[in-house]
Amino acid sequence: MTFRTPVLALGLLATAMTVPGIAQDQGTPGIQDELVMTLNEGIDDPDALEFDWPMLSIGTGQYEAGPTGVTVIRFGRKVHGAVDVRGGGPGTVNAPYLDLGYVQPELDAVVLAGGSWYGLEAVTAVNTAMKDDGYRGGHWNNVGLAVGSIIYDFGGRRLNEIYPDKRLAQAAYRAARPGIFPVGPYGAGRSAMTGGLFGCNARSGQGAAFRQIGDVKIAVFTVVNALGVVTDREGKVVACHAGANWPEDLAAHELLNASPASLGPDWDGERVGGPERKNTTISLVVTNRSMSSAELKRLAVQVHTSMARGIQPFATELDGDVLYAVSTGEVDAGPGDGLVTAEIGTVASELMWDAILSSVPEQPSAPPPLQSPDKASDLQDFVGSYRFSPLASLDVTAEGGRLFGQATGERDVFAIRKGEPVELLPSGPNRFVIPGRYPFSIRFEGDEAIINPGRWQQVGTRR
C-alpha cells in the first residue's frame, strides 16, 4: 500500500563532486576516503520548498554509496534557540546548552544527520568549519555554536555502514544557500524509514513548510525516521508495505487498536522482515519574531507535542525525537502587535504536519515475475560472488535452468538469507525478483549486481 502527498515548490540545480582519497572500498566501515559526494541534490525537484527568508541558508550533502547524508541550516547571524526532547533515545550535540536560557543570542547553525552516533561528527564539523573559514574565532563573544541531532539509518535498510562524516558536513555547510529546501529522501533523510513498529518499513525522508503572516515568518523542517506510521489529516496511513490480509484503506487507529497483534503481517502471524527498532524524528521550527528563552521553550514543546497527530505512535522509547526552536529576532511583534507564542505555535504545528507529509517519497516497487520467462538469457553470465560491503556478500548460482542467491557475509542481503538459497525469478532481461511483502529485485550489469535498482539501490561487485 503506497500513497504520496505532493508539495508544491520550485527548485534550482544540484552539484555533484568526487573528493579524491586513497580508499577503494566504499563499504568498509571507517574507510571513507573516496566516496562520491553530492551537494544540494533535490533542489531542482518540483517538490522542493522555495521560500523568501535570506536569514536562513540550507545545505545538504550525501554519500550515495550509503546512501546517507546531512542537512545544515545556517543563520545569517547568531540567534536564540531552545530544544525539546521527547524520544527515549536521542542523539544530540550541545542541545542541553540551549536549555540554560541565556539572554544573548549564540546559535549559528542546526545540523541534522544520518549515521546514528557516528553522524554526530557532522555537528562538530560544522562548528570547526566556521572557525577554519574565519567566520568565527576564539574570542569569548565570537565562538561558534552549532547544535544538532542524528537518526539511525543503518540496519536492514542498507548493506553497509557508511556515515556522514566531517568532510561531507563541512561541504554541505559551505554549499548552503537561502530560499530552497529539498524534500523527500535527501540530506539527513536519505535513508530514513517509517512504520517499523508494524513492519511497514516505508521509505521516508525530510520535509519542510513555510508561511508568512504580515511581517512574521515561520518555517519548519523535519527528518522523519519514526517507529510509528505517518498519518494524514483523515487518519489514514500515508505509506506502508502492508501485510497480506490488512485493510485496503488502512487507518492508523486500526493499527494502534489491534496492537500487539498488528505487529505481525496477518494481525496474528509471525513478523516478516522485522521492524527497524531504532528510530528518530528530528525537527526545527524557526520564526523571525523576537522571543525570550521561555517563549522559545514553549514554542518547542507545543509544536513537538502536535507532531503526535502526524506520526502515530510518537516519541516511543525506541525513538530519539528532538525539536529545536529558533528565533532570528528580526521583528518585534505580529500584525497589530498580535501573534503571541501560542498563536505562532498553532500555525507552526499545522505547518509541521505539512512538513511530515511532504517527507514521504514515492515508495519503491518491484516488477512481477514473468509468466513465461525468456529462455534466451544465459544464466551462467550472472553466476558469481558479489561483494556489497565487508558485511554483506551474495553468491549466485545456476542449476536446472534456474537462478539462486544466498547471502554469505555477516548479514542477510534483504530477502536473501544466510545459509538459505532462494530462487531468483526472472522479471525481464537481466532482472530477477523475489516476491514478498517487501519489494526485492536484482539486476545484473557486467560484473555488478544492483539490488532494488533506483533511489535506494545497493551495488555489489563480482569478485
Protein backbone atom coordinates (compact mmCIF):
# COMPACT_ATOMS: atom_id res chain seq x y z
CA MET A 1 0.00 0.00 0.00
CA THR A 2 1.58 3.23 -1.16
CA PHE A 3 0.36 6.81 -1.08
CA ARG A 4 2.09 10.08 -1.85
CA THR A 5 1.21 13.60 -0.73
CA PRO A 6 2.63 16.20 -3.13
CA VAL A 7 4.03 19.55 -2.02
CA LEU A 8 4.18 22.44 -4.48
CA ALA A 9 7.52 24.21 -4.78
CA LEU A 10 10.23 25.43 -7.11
CA GLY A 11 13.89 24.46 -7.40
CA LEU A 12 17.41 25.19 -8.62
CA LEU A 13 20.37 22.99 -9.57
CA ALA A 14 22.34 20.44 -7.56
CA THR A 15 26.08 19.91 -7.52
CA ALA A 16 27.90 16.58 -7.53
CA MET A 17 31.57 16.20 -6.80
CA THR A 18 34.09 13.44 -6.20
CA VAL A 19 36.56 14.08 -3.42
CA PRO A 20 39.87 12.24 -4.02
CA GLY A 21 41.37 9.91 -1.48
CA ILE A 22 43.04 6.56 -1.12
CA ALA A 23 40.37 4.07 -0.10
CA GLN A 24 38.81 1.95 -2.83
CA ASP A 25 36.22 0.07 -0.75
CA GLN A 26 33.14 2.22 -0.22
CA GLY A 27 31.61 -0.37 2.07
CA THR A 28 34.40 -0.69 4.61
CA PRO A 29 33.38 0.68 8.00
CA GLY A 30 35.57 3.63 8.93
CA ILE A 31 37.19 3.93 5.49
CA GLN A 32 35.50 6.78 3.64
CA ASP A 33 38.40 8.50 1.93
CA GLU A 34 36.97 8.11 -1.56
CA LEU A 35 33.22 8.48 -1.73
CA VAL A 36 31.18 10.35 -4.31
CA MET A 37 29.79 13.43 -2.59
CA THR A 38 26.55 15.01 -3.83
CA LEU A 39 25.70 18.50 -2.63
CA ASN A 40 22.25 20.13 -2.69
CA GLU A 41 20.69 17.30 -4.63
CA GLY A 42 16.93 17.66 -4.95
CA ILE A 43 16.73 21.44 -5.00
CA ASP A 44 15.77 21.24 -8.67
CA ASP A 45 12.88 18.88 -7.93
CA PRO A 46 9.40 20.36 -8.41
CA ASP A 47 8.51 19.37 -4.82
CA ALA A 48 11.39 21.30 -3.23
CA LEU A 49 10.20 24.06 -0.91
CA GLU A 50 11.06 27.59 -2.02
CA PHE A 51 10.68 30.45 0.47
CA ASP A 52 11.85 34.03 0.88
CA TRP A 53 13.98 34.37 4.00
CA PRO A 54 17.60 35.50 3.49
CA MET A 55 18.42 34.85 7.17
CA LEU A 56 18.21 31.08 6.58
CA SER A 57 20.54 29.08 4.31
CA ILE A 58 20.28 25.33 3.75
CA GLY A 59 22.92 22.93 2.53
CA THR A 60 22.66 19.17 2.07
CA GLY A 61 25.32 16.56 1.43
CA GLN A 62 25.01 12.89 0.59
CA TYR A 63 27.16 9.81 0.13
CA GLU A 64 25.16 7.88 -2.45
CA ALA A 65 27.18 4.74 -1.76
CA GLY A 66 25.41 4.58 1.62
CA PRO A 67 23.09 6.16 0.92
CA THR A 68 23.26 8.56 3.85
CA GLY A 69 23.55 12.30 4.33
CA VAL A 70 23.47 15.51 6.31
CA THR A 71 21.35 18.68 6.33
CA VAL A 72 22.73 22.00 7.60
CA ILE A 73 20.56 25.03 8.42
CA ARG A 74 22.72 28.18 8.81
CA PHE A 75 21.59 31.51 10.22
CA GLY A 76 22.79 34.87 8.98
CA ARG A 77 23.84 35.91 12.47
CA LYS A 78 23.77 34.46 15.96
CA VAL A 79 20.22 33.64 17.05
CA HIS A 80 18.28 32.45 20.10
CA GLY A 81 17.43 28.76 20.41
CA ALA A 82 15.62 26.25 22.60
CA VAL A 83 15.17 22.47 22.47
CA ASP A 84 12.53 19.90 23.39
CA VAL A 85 13.48 16.22 23.69
CA ARG A 86 10.67 13.65 23.61
CA GLY A 87 12.11 10.37 22.34
CA GLY A 88 13.62 7.69 24.55
CA GLY A 89 16.92 7.51 22.65
CA PRO A 90 18.03 10.98 21.50
CA GLY A 91 21.44 11.65 20.00
CA THR A 92 22.43 15.32 20.26
CA VAL A 93 25.40 17.70 20.44
CA ASN A 94 25.19 20.91 22.51
CA ALA A 95 21.41 20.60 22.94
CA PRO A 96 21.50 20.84 26.77
CA TYR A 97 23.23 24.22 26.45
CA LEU A 98 20.11 25.66 24.84
CA ASP A 99 18.11 24.75 27.94
CA LEU A 100 20.18 27.11 30.07
CA GLY A 101 18.22 30.05 28.67
CA TYR A 102 20.90 32.70 28.34
CA VAL A 103 19.60 36.05 27.11
CA GLN A 104 22.24 36.69 24.45
CA PRO A 105 21.88 35.03 21.02
CA GLU A 106 24.57 32.40 20.48
CA LEU A 107 23.36 29.81 17.98
CA ASP A 108 24.86 29.73 14.46
CA ALA A 109 23.57 26.52 12.87
CA VAL A 110 21.43 23.42 13.34
CA VAL A 111 22.79 20.17 11.87
CA LEU A 112 20.68 17.09 11.15
CA ALA A 113 22.44 13.89 10.08
CA GLY A 114 22.18 10.19 9.46
CA GLY A 115 24.75 7.71 10.70
CA SER A 116 23.50 7.24 14.27
CA TRP A 117 26.11 8.18 16.90
CA TYR A 118 28.81 8.37 14.22
CA GLY A 119 26.85 11.08 12.44
CA LEU A 120 27.29 13.39 15.41
CA GLU A 121 30.70 14.14 13.91
CA ALA A 122 28.79 16.26 11.40
CA VAL A 123 27.72 18.69 14.12
CA THR A 124 31.19 19.42 15.44
CA ALA A 125 32.48 19.53 11.85
CA VAL A 126 30.17 22.44 11.03
CA ASN A 127 31.42 24.23 14.13
CA THR A 128 35.08 23.82 13.12
CA ALA A 129 34.24 24.90 9.56
CA MET A 130 33.06 28.24 10.93
CA LYS A 131 36.35 28.58 12.77
CA ASP A 132 38.50 27.37 9.85
CA ASP A 133 36.77 29.79 7.45
CA GLY A 134 37.38 32.73 9.77
CA TYR A 135 33.66 33.29 10.28
CA ARG A 136 34.01 32.58 14.00
CA GLY A 137 37.05 32.78 16.27
CA GLY A 138 38.31 32.24 19.77
CA HIS A 139 37.18 35.45 21.47
CA TRP A 140 34.56 34.73 24.12
CA ASN A 141 31.79 36.57 22.28
CA ASN A 142 32.64 35.13 18.86
CA VAL A 143 32.87 31.38 19.50
CA GLY A 144 30.80 29.40 17.00
CA LEU A 145 27.91 27.28 18.21
CA ALA A 146 26.31 24.52 16.16
CA VAL A 147 23.78 22.12 17.66
CA GLY A 148 22.40 19.02 16.07
CA SER A 149 20.89 15.56 16.19
CA ILE A 150 21.09 12.27 14.33
CA ILE A 151 18.86 9.48 13.07
CA TYR A 152 19.61 5.77 12.90
CA ASP A 153 19.86 4.76 9.25
CA PHE A 154 21.86 1.52 9.42
CA GLY A 155 20.49 -1.99 9.94
CA GLY A 156 18.21 -3.68 7.44
CA ARG A 157 17.73 -0.64 5.24
CA ARG A 158 21.23 -0.83 3.66
CA LEU A 159 24.14 -3.26 3.39
CA ASN A 160 26.98 -1.01 4.60
CA GLU A 161 27.89 1.29 7.47
CA ILE A 162 28.93 4.44 5.65
CA TYR A 163 28.12 7.55 7.71
CA PRO A 164 28.05 11.33 7.12
CA ASP A 165 31.46 12.49 8.29
CA LYS A 166 33.38 15.74 8.80
CA ARG A 167 34.21 16.14 5.12
CA LEU A 168 30.60 15.78 4.00
CA ALA A 169 29.23 18.06 6.71
CA GLN A 170 31.68 20.85 6.04
CA ALA A 171 31.00 20.68 2.32
CA ALA A 172 27.25 20.89 2.96
CA TYR A 173 27.77 23.86 5.29
CA ARG A 174 29.82 25.70 2.67
CA ALA A 175 27.29 24.88 -0.07
CA ALA A 176 24.35 26.30 1.91
CA ARG A 177 22.12 28.74 0.05
CA PRO A 178 18.97 30.64 1.05
CA GLY A 179 15.42 30.03 -0.06
CA ILE A 180 15.35 26.36 -1.08
CA PHE A 181 14.91 23.09 0.83
CA PRO A 182 14.75 19.67 -0.89
CA VAL A 183 12.00 17.41 0.46
CA GLY A 184 11.98 13.63 0.39
CA PRO A 185 14.99 11.28 0.54
CA TYR A 186 17.71 13.93 0.63
CA GLY A 187 20.25 15.12 3.16
CA ALA A 188 19.77 13.64 6.60
CA GLY A 189 16.63 11.87 5.37
CA ARG A 190 18.41 9.98 2.61
CA SER A 191 17.79 6.53 4.16
CA ALA A 192 15.03 7.34 6.63
CA MET A 193 12.17 4.89 7.16
CA THR A 194 8.84 4.85 9.00
CA GLY A 195 6.37 2.37 10.43
CA GLY A 196 8.87 -0.18 11.69
CA LEU A 197 6.72 -0.92 14.75
CA PHE A 198 4.16 -2.56 12.47
CA GLY A 199 6.61 -3.89 9.91
CA CYS A 200 5.56 -1.23 7.37
CA ASN A 201 9.21 -0.30 6.71
CA ALA A 202 8.21 2.51 4.35
CA ARG A 203 10.85 4.78 2.87
CA SER A 204 10.83 8.31 4.23
CA GLY A 205 12.90 11.49 4.07
CA GLN A 206 12.97 15.12 5.14
CA GLY A 207 10.13 17.63 4.87
CA ALA A 208 9.56 21.36 5.20
CA ALA A 209 6.87 24.05 5.13
CA PHE A 210 6.75 27.85 5.31
CA ARG A 211 4.19 30.59 5.96
CA GLN A 212 4.32 34.36 6.32
CA ILE A 213 1.70 36.36 8.24
CA GLY A 214 2.32 40.07 7.85
CA ASP A 215 5.97 40.53 8.75
CA VAL A 216 6.14 37.32 10.77
CA LYS A 217 7.78 34.34 9.08
CA ILE A 218 7.56 30.74 10.25
CA ALA A 219 9.46 27.81 8.76
CA VAL A 220 9.59 24.19 9.87
CA PHE A 221 11.96 21.40 8.87
CA THR A 222 11.89 17.74 9.86
CA VAL A 223 13.62 14.43 9.17
CA VAL A 224 11.05 11.68 9.70
CA ASN A 225 12.57 8.35 10.71
CA ALA A 226 9.79 7.29 13.06
CA LEU A 227 8.92 3.96 14.61
CA GLY A 228 5.28 4.92 14.07
CA VAL A 229 3.45 5.49 10.80
CA VAL A 230 2.96 8.83 9.03
CA THR A 231 -0.73 9.74 9.21
CA ASP A 232 -2.68 12.19 7.07
CA ARG A 233 -5.41 14.54 8.28
CA GLU A 234 -8.08 11.92 7.57
CA GLY A 235 -6.30 9.47 9.85
CA LYS A 236 -5.05 7.28 7.02
CA VAL A 237 -1.58 5.73 6.86
CA VAL A 238 0.37 7.52 4.15
CA ALA A 239 2.93 4.82 3.34
CA CYS A 240 3.23 1.18 4.41
CA HIS A 241 4.23 -2.19 2.99
CA ALA A 242 1.08 -3.78 4.37
CA GLY A 243 0.58 -7.39 5.39
CA ALA A 244 -1.36 -9.65 3.05
CA ASN A 245 -4.66 -9.51 4.95
CA TRP A 246 -4.55 -5.90 6.13
CA PRO A 247 -7.39 -3.48 5.33
CA GLU A 248 -7.14 -1.97 1.87
CA ASP A 249 -7.66 1.61 3.08
CA LEU A 250 -5.53 1.44 6.22
CA ALA A 251 -6.19 3.83 9.10
CA ALA A 252 -3.61 4.49 11.80
CA HIS A 253 -6.10 3.83 14.60
CA GLU A 254 -6.68 0.34 13.18
CA LEU A 255 -3.02 -0.48 13.65
CA LEU A 256 -2.88 1.02 17.13
CA ASN A 257 -6.13 -0.57 18.33
CA ALA A 258 -5.03 -4.00 17.10
CA SER A 259 -1.61 -3.81 18.77
CA PRO A 260 0.21 -6.05 19.58
CA ALA A 261 -1.46 -8.35 17.04
CA SER A 262 -0.87 -5.75 14.31
CA LEU A 263 2.88 -6.07 14.80
CA GLY A 264 2.62 -9.13 12.55
CA PRO A 265 1.73 -9.09 8.84
CA ASP A 266 -1.54 -11.01 9.31
CA TRP A 267 -2.58 -9.48 12.64
CA ASP A 268 -1.68 -12.81 14.28
CA GLY A 269 1.13 -14.24 12.13
CA GLU A 270 4.88 -14.32 12.51
CA ARG A 271 6.57 -10.97 11.96
CA VAL A 272 8.00 -10.78 8.44
CA GLY A 273 11.12 -8.82 7.59
CA GLY A 274 11.41 -7.45 11.10
CA PRO A 275 10.79 -3.83 12.04
CA GLU A 276 13.59 -1.31 12.43
CA ARG A 277 13.92 -0.83 16.18
CA LYS A 278 15.95 2.38 16.31
CA ASN A 279 14.12 5.42 15.02
CA THR A 280 14.05 9.18 15.39
CA THR A 281 12.29 12.29 14.10
CA ILE A 282 14.48 15.40 14.34
CA SER A 283 12.92 18.78 13.66
CA LEU A 284 13.38 22.55 13.64
CA VAL A 285 10.90 25.42 13.86
CA VAL A 286 12.11 28.94 13.08
CA THR A 287 10.36 32.29 13.42
CA ASN A 288 11.65 35.79 12.82
CA ARG A 289 9.56 37.19 15.70
CA SER A 290 11.61 38.08 18.76
CA MET A 291 11.14 35.61 21.60
CA SER A 292 12.57 35.11 25.04
CA SER A 293 14.10 31.79 26.04
CA ALA A 294 10.92 30.90 27.91
CA GLU A 295 8.76 31.65 24.87
CA LEU A 296 11.01 29.60 22.61
CA LYS A 297 10.83 26.67 25.02
CA ARG A 298 7.02 26.80 24.99
CA LEU A 299 7.04 27.01 21.20
CA ALA A 300 9.25 23.94 21.03
CA VAL A 301 7.03 21.98 23.41
CA GLN A 302 3.81 22.99 21.66
CA VAL A 303 4.96 22.12 18.15
CA HIS A 304 6.70 18.92 19.22
CA THR A 305 3.56 17.77 21.03
CA SER A 306 1.47 18.44 17.93
CA MET A 307 3.57 16.02 15.89
CA ALA A 308 1.83 13.09 17.59
CA ARG A 309 -1.06 13.75 15.20
CA GLY A 310 1.03 13.17 12.08
CA ILE A 311 3.16 10.31 13.45
CA GLN A 312 1.45 7.50 15.35
CA PRO A 313 2.70 6.38 17.80
CA PHE A 314 5.16 9.19 18.52
CA ALA A 315 8.07 9.62 20.97
CA THR A 316 8.36 5.97 21.98
CA GLU A 317 11.26 4.57 23.99
CA LEU A 318 12.78 3.46 20.68
CA ASP A 319 12.60 6.92 19.08
CA GLY A 320 15.11 9.73 19.61
CA ASP A 321 12.78 12.63 18.86
CA VAL A 322 14.28 16.11 19.25
CA LEU A 323 12.90 19.50 18.15
CA TYR A 324 14.83 22.78 18.07
CA ALA A 325 13.06 26.15 18.16
CA VAL A 326 14.83 29.28 16.90
CA SER A 327 14.04 32.99 16.83
CA THR A 328 16.03 35.16 14.46
CA GLY A 329 14.71 38.28 16.21
CA GLU A 330 14.08 40.26 13.04
CA VAL A 331 10.63 41.61 14.04
CA ASP A 332 9.27 42.52 17.46
CA ALA A 333 5.62 41.54 17.10
CA GLY A 334 2.99 40.25 14.73
CA PRO A 335 0.22 42.14 12.90
CA GLY A 336 -1.50 44.56 15.29
CA ASP A 337 1.03 43.64 17.97
CA GLY A 338 -0.59 40.19 17.99
CA LEU A 339 0.63 36.67 17.27
CA VAL A 340 1.62 35.60 20.75
CA THR A 341 3.67 32.46 21.20
CA ALA A 342 0.63 30.18 21.39
CA GLU A 343 -0.69 31.54 18.08
CA ILE A 344 2.64 31.14 16.35
CA GLY A 345 2.82 27.65 17.80
CA THR A 346 -0.61 26.84 16.38
CA VAL A 347 0.43 27.93 12.89
CA ALA A 348 3.76 26.13 13.20
CA SER A 349 2.02 22.94 14.34
CA GLU A 350 -0.07 22.80 11.19
CA LEU A 351 3.00 23.60 9.11
CA MET A 352 4.85 20.75 10.81
CA TRP A 353 2.11 18.33 9.80
CA ASP A 354 2.51 19.59 6.24
CA ALA A 355 6.25 19.03 6.54
CA ILE A 356 5.77 15.49 7.84
CA LEU A 357 3.54 14.65 4.88
CA SER A 358 5.98 16.23 2.42
CA SER A 359 8.75 13.95 3.70
CA VAL A 360 7.12 10.83 2.23
CA PRO A 361 8.63 9.88 -1.15
CA GLU A 362 7.22 7.61 -3.80
CA GLN A 363 7.73 4.10 -2.47
CA PRO A 364 9.96 1.57 -4.27
CA SER A 365 8.34 -1.32 -6.08
CA ALA A 366 9.45 -4.46 -7.87
CA PRO A 367 8.11 -5.83 -11.17
CA PRO A 368 6.17 -9.11 -11.03
CA PRO A 369 7.83 -12.35 -12.20
CA LEU A 370 7.35 -13.18 -15.86
CA GLN A 371 4.68 -15.78 -16.51
CA SER A 372 6.65 -17.12 -19.48
CA PRO A 373 10.33 -16.42 -18.77
CA ASP A 374 12.61 -15.57 -21.67
CA LYS A 375 14.95 -18.52 -22.07
CA ALA A 376 17.40 -16.53 -24.19
CA SER A 377 19.42 -15.29 -21.20
CA ASP A 378 22.44 -17.40 -20.30
CA LEU A 379 22.17 -17.74 -16.54
CA GLN A 380 25.85 -18.59 -16.32
CA ASP A 381 26.56 -14.94 -17.15
CA PHE A 382 25.20 -13.99 -13.73
CA VAL A 383 26.89 -16.68 -11.64
CA GLY A 384 29.49 -15.50 -9.13
CA SER A 385 30.16 -13.99 -5.73
CA TYR A 386 29.16 -10.31 -5.39
CA ARG A 387 30.51 -8.17 -2.58
CA PHE A 388 28.39 -5.27 -1.33
CA SER A 389 30.50 -4.48 1.73
CA PRO A 390 32.62 -6.35 4.27
CA LEU A 391 29.31 -7.09 5.98
CA ALA A 392 27.33 -8.41 3.02
CA SER A 393 28.13 -10.70 0.09
CA LEU A 394 25.93 -12.67 -2.27
CA ASP A 395 26.65 -15.97 -4.03
CA VAL A 396 24.66 -16.50 -7.23
CA THR A 397 24.41 -20.00 -8.71
CA ALA A 398 22.53 -21.57 -11.63
CA GLU A 399 21.03 -25.04 -11.63
CA GLY A 400 18.49 -26.71 -13.90
CA GLY A 401 17.75 -23.53 -15.78
CA ARG A 402 17.03 -21.62 -12.54
CA LEU A 403 18.98 -18.93 -10.71
CA PHE A 404 19.57 -18.93 -6.95
CA GLY A 405 21.02 -16.47 -4.46
CA GLN A 406 22.47 -16.98 -0.98
CA ALA A 407 23.89 -14.43 1.45
CA THR A 408 27.39 -15.37 2.63
CA GLY A 409 28.56 -12.40 4.70
CA GLU A 410 27.78 -11.38 8.26
CA ARG A 411 24.23 -10.34 7.43
CA ASP A 412 21.34 -11.17 5.16
CA VAL A 413 21.05 -9.44 1.81
CA PHE A 414 17.48 -8.23 2.35
CA ALA A 415 15.18 -11.09 1.21
CA ILE A 416 18.17 -13.38 0.56
CA ARG A 417 19.11 -15.10 3.80
CA LYS A 418 22.36 -16.54 5.03
CA GLY A 419 22.61 -20.31 4.60
CA GLU A 420 19.30 -20.43 2.79
CA PRO A 421 19.41 -20.37 -1.03
CA VAL A 422 16.39 -18.69 -2.57
CA GLU A 423 15.28 -18.77 -6.18
CA LEU A 424 15.55 -15.56 -8.18
CA LEU A 425 12.56 -15.40 -10.53
CA PRO A 426 13.07 -13.71 -13.91
CA SER A 427 11.14 -10.46 -14.42
CA GLY A 428 12.91 -9.13 -17.50
CA PRO A 429 16.27 -9.10 -19.27
CA ASN A 430 19.00 -9.47 -16.64
CA ARG A 431 16.47 -8.74 -13.88
CA PHE A 432 15.08 -11.05 -11.22
CA VAL A 433 12.74 -10.72 -8.25
CA ILE A 434 11.76 -12.43 -5.01
CA PRO A 435 8.02 -11.94 -4.37
CA GLY A 436 7.07 -10.97 -0.82
CA ARG A 437 5.85 -8.23 1.45
CA TYR A 438 8.84 -6.00 0.72
CA PRO A 439 9.93 -5.20 -2.85
CA PHE A 440 13.09 -7.04 -3.88
CA SER A 441 14.67 -7.10 -7.31
CA ILE A 442 18.16 -7.62 -8.62
CA ARG A 443 19.63 -6.55 -11.97
CA PHE A 444 22.92 -7.81 -13.37
CA GLU A 445 25.11 -5.48 -15.42
CA GLY A 446 28.53 -6.83 -16.31
CA ASP A 447 30.31 -7.55 -13.04
CA GLU A 448 27.76 -5.66 -10.94
CA ALA A 449 24.65 -6.85 -9.15
CA ILE A 450 22.26 -3.99 -8.40
CA ILE A 451 19.70 -4.74 -5.72
CA ASN A 452 16.49 -2.70 -5.77
CA PRO A 453 17.64 -0.50 -8.67
CA GLY A 454 16.70 3.12 -8.22
CA ARG A 455 16.74 5.61 -5.39
CA TRP A 456 17.91 3.19 -2.65
CA GLN A 457 19.92 0.74 -4.71
CA GLN A 458 22.81 -1.29 -3.34
CA VAL A 459 25.60 -2.26 -5.74
CA GLY A 460 27.78 -5.34 -5.39
CA THR A 461 30.85 -6.17 -7.46
CA ARG A 462 31.69 -9.68 -8.65
CA ARG A 463 34.97 -10.96 -7.28
